[in-house]
Amino acid sequence: MAHYQCELIAPHPSVFDLIAIYNGYGPIDYSQTLNKAEGETNAYIRASIACVRAADNNLLRQIILEGLNKAG
């Protein structure tokens, strides 16, 4: 999922919440990520920049994996 989100970083992350829900997970929980800030830039923004500048989805993959929870 990180690969595709990296490719389509412009859409709102809620698009990927729908994919997660369809596959039996709850919406991706980004709350931990939004609190992890270096200076004024949170981890999600840093991950997005890495995707756009270097086609590197490693940080975004980690964010998604940490935020996924099975539904129910």
C-alpha atoms as a PDB file:
ATOM      1  CA  MET A   1       0.000   0.000   0.000  1.00  0.00           C
ATOM      2  CA  ALA A   2       2.887   2.367   0.759  1.00  0.00           C
ATOM      3  CA  HIS A   3       4.119   2.070  -2.829  1.00  0.00           C
ATOM      4  CA  TYR A   4       0.773   3.229  -4.245  1.00  0.00           C
ATOM      5  CA  GLN A   5       0.279   5.932  -1.645  1.00  0.00           C
ATOM      6  CA  CYS A   6       3.735   7.207  -2.462  1.00  0.00           C
ATOM      7  CA  GLU A   7       2.844   7.275  -6.159  1.00  0.00           C
ATOM      8  CA  LEU A   8      -0.432   9.048  -5.456  1.00  0.00           C
ATOM      9  CA  ILE A   9       0.672  11.254  -2.574  1.00  0.00           C
ATOM     10  CA  ALA A  10      -1.536  14.145  -3.720  1.00  0.00           C
ATOM     11  CA  PRO A  11      -4.873  12.461  -2.814  1.00  0.00           C
ATOM     12  CA  HIS A  12      -5.967  12.736   0.759  1.00  0.00           C
ATOM     13  CA  PRO A  13      -4.918   9.770   2.949  1.00  0.00           C
ATOM     14  CA  SER A  14      -8.601   8.890   3.418  1.00  0.00           C
ATOM     15  CA  VAL A  15      -8.492   7.227  -0.016  1.00  0.00           C
ATOM     16  CA  PHE A  16      -6.135   4.660   1.497  1.00  0.00           C
ATOM     17  CA  ASP A  17      -8.350   4.301   4.558  1.00  0.00           C
ATOM     18  CA  LEU A  18     -11.024   2.985   2.197  1.00  0.00           C
ATOM     19  CA  ILE A  19      -8.576   0.412   0.822  1.00  0.00           C
ATOM     20  CA  ALA A  20      -7.667  -0.655   4.357  1.00  0.00           C
ATOM     21  CA  ILE A  21     -11.337  -0.952   5.345  1.00  0.00           C
ATOM     22  CA  TYR A  22     -12.146  -2.979   2.246  1.00  0.00           C
ATOM     23  CA  ASN A  23      -9.396  -5.414   3.250  1.00  0.00           C
ATOM     24  CA  GLY A  24     -10.656  -5.959   6.790  1.00  0.00           C
ATOM     25  CA  TYR A  25      -8.768  -3.246   8.666  1.00  0.00           C
ATOM     26  CA  GLY A  26      -9.930  -0.100  10.362  1.00  0.00           C
ATOM     27  CA  PRO A  27      -8.930   3.307   9.021  1.00  0.00           C
ATOM     28  CA  ILE A  28      -5.181   3.914   9.231  1.00  0.00           C
ATOM     29  CA  ASP A  29      -4.380   5.612  12.538  1.00  0.00           C
ATOM     30  CA  TYR A  30      -2.001   8.472  11.785  1.00  0.00           C
ATOM     31  CA  SER A  31      -2.201  10.009  15.281  1.00  0.00           C
ATOM     32  CA  GLN A  32       1.209   8.716  16.424  1.00  0.00           C
ATOM     33  CA  THR A  33       2.777   9.976  13.208  1.00  0.00           C
ATOM     34  CA  LEU A  34       1.310  13.434  13.494  1.00  0.00           C
ATOM     35  CA  ASN A  35       2.815  13.784  16.972  1.00  0.00           C
ATOM     36  CA  LYS A  36       6.330  12.719  15.882  1.00  0.00           C
ATOM     37  CA  ALA A  37       7.724  16.047  14.779  1.00  0.00           C
ATOM     38  CA  GLU A  38      11.239  17.182  14.027  1.00  0.00           C
ATOM     39  CA  GLY A  39      11.046  20.912  14.296  1.00  0.00           C
ATOM     40  CA  GLU A  40       7.753  21.841  12.679  1.00  0.00           C
ATOM     41  CA  THR A  41       7.589  18.870  10.284  1.00  0.00           C
ATOM     42  CA  ASN A  42       5.730  15.729  11.346  1.00  0.00           C
ATOM     43  CA  ALA A  43       6.673  12.220  10.207  1.00  0.00           C
ATOM     44  CA  TYR A  44       3.869  12.020   7.610  1.00  0.00           C
ATOM     45  CA  ILE A  45       5.110  15.178   5.896  1.00  0.00           C
ATOM     46  CA  ARG A  46       8.700  13.881   5.975  1.00  0.00           C
ATOM     47  CA  ALA A  47       7.518  10.574   4.489  1.00  0.00           C
ATOM     48  CA  SER A  48       5.646  12.434   1.745  1.00  0.00           C
ATOM     49  CA  ILE A  49       8.718  14.498   0.913  1.00  0.00           C
ATOM     50  CA  ALA A  50      10.848  11.322   0.726  1.00  0.00           C
ATOM     51  CA  CYS A  51       8.316   9.831  -1.684  1.00  0.00           C
ATOM     52  CA  VAL A  52       8.303  12.820  -3.974  1.00  0.00           C
ATOM     53  CA  ARG A  53      12.005  13.656  -3.887  1.00  0.00           C
ATOM     54  CA  ALA A  54      13.569  10.203  -3.799  1.00  0.00           C
ATOM     55  CA  ALA A  55      10.802   7.683  -4.594  1.00  0.00           C
ATOM     56  CA  ASP A  56      11.543   6.277  -1.121  1.00  0.00           C
ATOM     57  CA  ASN A  57       8.454   4.781   0.528  1.00  0.00           C
ATOM     58  CA  ASN A  58      10.212   3.232   3.552  1.00  0.00           C
ATOM     59  CA  LEU A  59       9.023   5.794   6.111  1.00  0.00           C
ATOM     60  CA  LEU A  60       5.509   5.794   4.666  1.00  0.00           C
ATOM     61  CA  ARG A  61       5.436   1.969   4.818  1.00  0.00           C
ATOM     62  CA  GLN A  62       6.423   2.117   8.492  1.00  0.00           C
ATOM     63  CA  ILE A  63       3.732   4.713   9.215  1.00  0.00           C
ATOM     64  CA  ILE A  64       1.064   2.584   7.536  1.00  0.00           C
ATOM     65  CA  LEU A  65       2.120  -0.609   9.305  1.00  0.00           C
ATOM     66  CA  GLU A  66       2.097   1.136  12.687  1.00  0.00           C
ATOM     67  CA  GLY A  67      -1.343   2.593  11.968  1.00  0.00           C
ATOM     68  CA  LEU A  68      -3.085  -0.566  10.705  1.00  0.00           C
ATOM     69  CA  ASN A  69      -5.440  -2.407  13.038  1.00  0.00           C
ATOM     70  CA  LYS A  70      -7.723  -5.312  12.199  1.00  0.00           C
ATOM     71  CA  ALA A  71     -11.367  -4.262  12.213  1.00  0.00           C
ATOM     72  CA  GLY A  72     -13.772  -5.751  14.689  1.00  0.00           C
END
